[in-house]
Amino acid sequence: MKLKPIGERALVKPVEREEKTESGIVLPETARGQQQTAEVIAVGDSNGVGVNEGDTVLFARFSGTSIKLGEEEHLLLDFDDLLGIVEK
């Protein structure tokens, strides 16, 4: 299923990452807190926001609406909740 956001919104897929402490201990998912980076899947009417499909973005904690497309979890975010683009 495909979804095209309406208005100033972006459809993103959270990026899974493994977190380790400085001593090398892998933190379980329950201890990591909420994920704040995601890959942009689709954008609505951007009006010069500068976010494109395929970008990795940082978004505000506890923002967006969680939706399930097929078997994958996605978030629908307002452009105001996007804090920046993660450069590699």
N, C-alpha and C. Protein backbone atom coordinates (compact mmCIF):
# COMPACT_ATOMS: atom_id res chain seq x y z
N MET A 1 0.84 -1.17 0.00
CA MET A 1 0.00 0.00 0.00
C MET A 1 0.90 1.24 0.00
N LYS A 2 0.54 2.25 -0.78
CA LYS A 2 1.26 3.50 -0.82
C LYS A 2 0.41 4.59 -0.18
N LEU A 3 1.09 5.58 0.38
CA LEU A 3 0.40 6.69 1.03
C LEU A 3 1.11 7.98 0.67
N LYS A 4 0.38 8.95 0.16
CA LYS A 4 0.90 10.28 -0.17
C LYS A 4 0.37 11.23 0.88
N PRO A 5 1.25 11.81 1.71
CA PRO A 5 0.79 12.76 2.73
C PRO A 5 0.12 13.98 2.11
N ILE A 6 -0.85 14.52 2.82
CA ILE A 6 -1.57 15.72 2.39
C ILE A 6 -1.07 16.89 3.23
N GLY A 7 -0.90 18.03 2.59
CA GLY A 7 -0.46 19.23 3.30
C GLY A 7 1.00 19.16 3.68
N GLU A 8 1.35 19.84 4.74
CA GLU A 8 2.74 19.92 5.18
C GLU A 8 3.06 18.78 6.13
N ARG A 9 3.11 17.57 5.58
CA ARG A 9 3.38 16.36 6.36
C ARG A 9 4.39 15.49 5.62
N ALA A 10 5.04 14.62 6.38
CA ALA A 10 5.98 13.66 5.81
C ALA A 10 5.69 12.28 6.38
N LEU A 11 5.77 11.27 5.53
CA LEU A 11 5.65 9.88 5.95
C LEU A 11 7.07 9.36 6.14
N VAL A 12 7.39 8.88 7.34
CA VAL A 12 8.74 8.42 7.64
C VAL A 12 8.71 7.02 8.22
N LYS A 13 9.84 6.33 8.06
CA LYS A 13 10.00 5.00 8.64
C LYS A 13 11.15 5.08 9.64
N PRO A 14 10.88 4.82 10.93
CA PRO A 14 11.94 4.90 11.93
C PRO A 14 13.13 4.02 11.57
N VAL A 15 14.33 4.55 11.80
CA VAL A 15 15.58 3.84 11.53
C VAL A 15 15.96 3.06 12.78
N GLU A 16 16.11 1.75 12.63
CA GLU A 16 16.50 0.92 13.76
C GLU A 16 18.00 1.05 13.96
N ARG A 17 18.39 1.22 15.21
CA ARG A 17 19.82 1.32 15.51
C ARG A 17 20.11 0.57 16.80
N GLU A 18 21.31 0.03 16.86
CA GLU A 18 21.72 -0.69 18.06
C GLU A 18 22.53 0.28 18.92
N GLU A 19 22.20 0.36 20.18
CA GLU A 19 22.90 1.27 21.07
C GLU A 19 23.75 0.47 22.04
N LYS A 20 24.96 0.98 22.24
CA LYS A 20 25.89 0.37 23.19
C LYS A 20 26.38 1.43 24.15
N THR A 21 26.71 1.00 25.35
CA THR A 21 27.34 1.91 26.30
C THR A 21 28.81 2.04 25.94
N GLU A 22 29.52 2.94 26.59
CA GLU A 22 30.95 3.11 26.32
C GLU A 22 31.74 1.85 26.61
N SER A 23 31.25 1.03 27.53
CA SER A 23 31.95 -0.22 27.86
C SER A 23 31.56 -1.38 26.95
N GLY A 24 30.65 -1.14 25.99
CA GLY A 24 30.30 -2.17 25.01
C GLY A 24 29.06 -2.98 25.32
N ILE A 25 28.32 -2.62 26.34
CA ILE A 25 27.10 -3.34 26.69
C ILE A 25 25.98 -2.87 25.77
N VAL A 26 25.30 -3.84 25.11
CA VAL A 26 24.20 -3.52 24.21
C VAL A 26 22.95 -3.27 25.03
N LEU A 27 22.32 -2.10 24.81
CA LEU A 27 21.12 -1.75 25.55
C LEU A 27 19.89 -2.39 24.91
N PRO A 28 19.01 -2.99 25.72
CA PRO A 28 17.78 -3.53 25.16
C PRO A 28 16.85 -2.41 24.69
N GLU A 29 15.91 -2.74 23.83
CA GLU A 29 15.00 -1.74 23.27
C GLU A 29 14.24 -0.97 24.33
N THR A 30 13.89 -1.63 25.42
CA THR A 30 13.11 -0.97 26.48
C THR A 30 13.92 0.10 27.21
N ALA A 31 15.24 0.02 27.18
CA ALA A 31 16.07 0.99 27.88
C ALA A 31 16.55 2.13 26.98
N ARG A 32 16.29 2.04 25.70
CA ARG A 32 16.80 3.02 24.74
C ARG A 32 15.99 4.31 24.68
N GLY A 33 14.75 4.29 25.03
CA GLY A 33 13.91 5.47 24.85
C GLY A 33 13.32 5.46 23.45
N GLN A 34 12.56 6.48 23.14
CA GLN A 34 11.89 6.53 21.84
C GLN A 34 12.85 6.93 20.74
N GLN A 35 12.75 6.25 19.62
CA GLN A 35 13.57 6.53 18.45
C GLN A 35 13.28 7.92 17.90
N GLN A 36 14.31 8.66 17.48
CA GLN A 36 14.10 10.01 16.98
C GLN A 36 14.67 10.24 15.59
N THR A 37 15.13 9.20 14.92
CA THR A 37 15.60 9.35 13.54
C THR A 37 14.78 8.44 12.64
N ALA A 38 14.57 8.90 11.41
CA ALA A 38 13.75 8.14 10.47
C ALA A 38 14.13 8.48 9.04
N GLU A 39 13.80 7.56 8.13
CA GLU A 39 14.00 7.79 6.71
C GLU A 39 12.69 8.31 6.11
N VAL A 40 12.79 9.37 5.31
CA VAL A 40 11.61 9.95 4.68
C VAL A 40 11.17 9.06 3.52
N ILE A 41 9.92 8.61 3.56
CA ILE A 41 9.35 7.76 2.52
C ILE A 41 8.59 8.59 1.49
N ALA A 42 7.82 9.57 1.95
CA ALA A 42 7.04 10.43 1.06
C ALA A 42 6.81 11.78 1.74
N VAL A 43 6.68 12.84 0.93
CA VAL A 43 6.41 14.17 1.47
C VAL A 43 5.17 14.74 0.81
N GLY A 44 4.45 15.58 1.56
CA GLY A 44 3.28 16.27 1.03
C GLY A 44 3.72 17.55 0.33
N ASP A 45 2.92 18.60 0.44
CA ASP A 45 3.22 19.89 -0.17
C ASP A 45 4.34 20.55 0.61
N SER A 46 5.57 20.49 0.09
CA SER A 46 6.74 20.89 0.86
C SER A 46 6.93 22.39 0.98
N ASN A 47 6.55 23.18 -0.01
CA ASN A 47 6.69 24.64 0.04
C ASN A 47 8.08 25.09 0.49
N GLY A 48 9.10 24.44 -0.05
CA GLY A 48 10.47 24.86 0.23
C GLY A 48 11.05 24.43 1.56
N VAL A 49 10.50 23.39 2.19
CA VAL A 49 11.03 22.93 3.47
C VAL A 49 12.41 22.30 3.29
N GLY A 50 12.68 21.71 2.15
CA GLY A 50 13.99 21.13 1.88
C GLY A 50 14.14 19.68 2.27
N VAL A 51 13.05 18.98 2.56
CA VAL A 51 13.08 17.57 2.90
C VAL A 51 12.67 16.78 1.67
N ASN A 52 13.47 15.78 1.31
CA ASN A 52 13.19 14.97 0.13
C ASN A 52 13.07 13.50 0.52
N GLU A 53 12.45 12.74 -0.34
CA GLU A 53 12.36 11.30 -0.11
C GLU A 53 13.76 10.72 -0.06
N GLY A 54 13.99 9.80 0.89
CA GLY A 54 15.29 9.18 1.05
C GLY A 54 16.17 9.86 2.09
N ASP A 55 15.83 11.09 2.51
CA ASP A 55 16.61 11.77 3.55
C ASP A 55 16.40 11.08 4.90
N THR A 56 17.43 11.14 5.74
CA THR A 56 17.29 10.70 7.12
C THR A 56 17.11 11.95 7.97
N VAL A 57 16.05 11.98 8.76
CA VAL A 57 15.72 13.18 9.52
C VAL A 57 15.68 12.89 11.02
N LEU A 58 15.86 13.95 11.78
CA LEU A 58 15.71 13.93 13.22
C LEU A 58 14.37 14.60 13.52
N PHE A 59 13.54 13.98 14.36
CA PHE A 59 12.23 14.56 14.65
C PHE A 59 12.01 14.68 16.15
N ALA A 60 11.07 15.53 16.53
CA ALA A 60 10.78 15.79 17.94
C ALA A 60 10.27 14.54 18.64
N ARG A 61 10.70 14.37 19.86
CA ARG A 61 10.29 13.22 20.66
C ARG A 61 8.78 13.23 20.88
N PHE A 62 8.17 12.07 20.83
CA PHE A 62 6.74 11.86 21.06
C PHE A 62 5.86 12.60 20.06
N SER A 63 6.34 12.80 18.83
CA SER A 63 5.56 13.50 17.82
C SER A 63 5.04 12.52 16.77
N GLY A 64 4.10 12.98 15.99
CA GLY A 64 3.59 12.19 14.87
C GLY A 64 2.49 11.21 15.24
N THR A 65 1.94 10.62 14.18
CA THR A 65 0.89 9.62 14.32
C THR A 65 1.44 8.30 13.80
N SER A 66 1.41 7.28 14.61
CA SER A 66 1.92 5.97 14.23
C SER A 66 0.89 5.26 13.36
N ILE A 67 1.34 4.75 12.20
CA ILE A 67 0.46 4.00 11.31
C ILE A 67 1.20 2.76 10.83
N LYS A 68 0.44 1.76 10.42
CA LYS A 68 1.01 0.52 9.92
C LYS A 68 0.63 0.37 8.45
N LEU A 69 1.64 0.28 7.58
CA LEU A 69 1.43 0.06 6.15
C LEU A 69 1.98 -1.32 5.82
N GLY A 70 1.09 -2.24 5.51
CA GLY A 70 1.53 -3.62 5.31
C GLY A 70 1.96 -4.17 6.66
N GLU A 71 3.19 -4.63 6.74
CA GLU A 71 3.73 -5.17 7.99
C GLU A 71 4.68 -4.20 8.69
N GLU A 72 4.88 -3.00 8.11
CA GLU A 72 5.87 -2.08 8.64
C GLU A 72 5.23 -0.89 9.36
N GLU A 73 5.87 -0.47 10.45
CA GLU A 73 5.43 0.69 11.22
C GLU A 73 6.00 1.96 10.59
N HIS A 74 5.18 2.99 10.46
CA HIS A 74 5.59 4.29 9.94
C HIS A 74 5.04 5.38 10.85
N LEU A 75 5.54 6.59 10.67
CA LEU A 75 5.01 7.76 11.36
C LEU A 75 4.62 8.80 10.33
N LEU A 76 3.53 9.49 10.60
CA LEU A 76 3.10 10.62 9.79
C LEU A 76 3.37 11.86 10.63
N LEU A 77 4.33 12.69 10.17
CA LEU A 77 4.79 13.85 10.93
C LEU A 77 4.44 15.15 10.24
N ASP A 78 4.13 16.18 11.04
CA ASP A 78 4.01 17.54 10.51
C ASP A 78 5.42 18.06 10.26
N PHE A 79 5.58 18.94 9.28
CA PHE A 79 6.90 19.52 9.01
C PHE A 79 7.45 20.24 10.22
N ASP A 80 6.59 20.79 11.07
CA ASP A 80 7.04 21.48 12.28
C ASP A 80 7.75 20.54 13.25
N ASP A 81 7.47 19.24 13.18
CA ASP A 81 8.09 18.26 14.07
C ASP A 81 9.45 17.80 13.57
N LEU A 82 9.81 18.13 12.31
CA LEU A 82 11.11 17.76 11.77
C LEU A 82 12.14 18.77 12.26
N LEU A 83 13.19 18.27 12.91
CA LEU A 83 14.19 19.16 13.51
C LEU A 83 15.41 19.36 12.62
N GLY A 84 15.73 18.39 11.78
CA GLY A 84 16.90 18.53 10.92
C GLY A 84 17.12 17.31 10.06
N ILE A 85 18.01 17.44 9.10
CA ILE A 85 18.39 16.35 8.22
C ILE A 85 19.74 15.82 8.70
N VAL A 86 19.83 14.51 8.89
CA VAL A 86 21.07 13.87 9.33
C VAL A 86 21.95 13.66 8.10
N GLU A 87 23.12 14.27 8.12
CA GLU A 87 24.06 14.12 7.01
C GLU A 87 25.04 13.01 7.34
N LYS A 88 25.41 12.25 6.33
CA LYS A 88 26.31 11.11 6.54
C LYS A 88 27.73 11.47 6.33
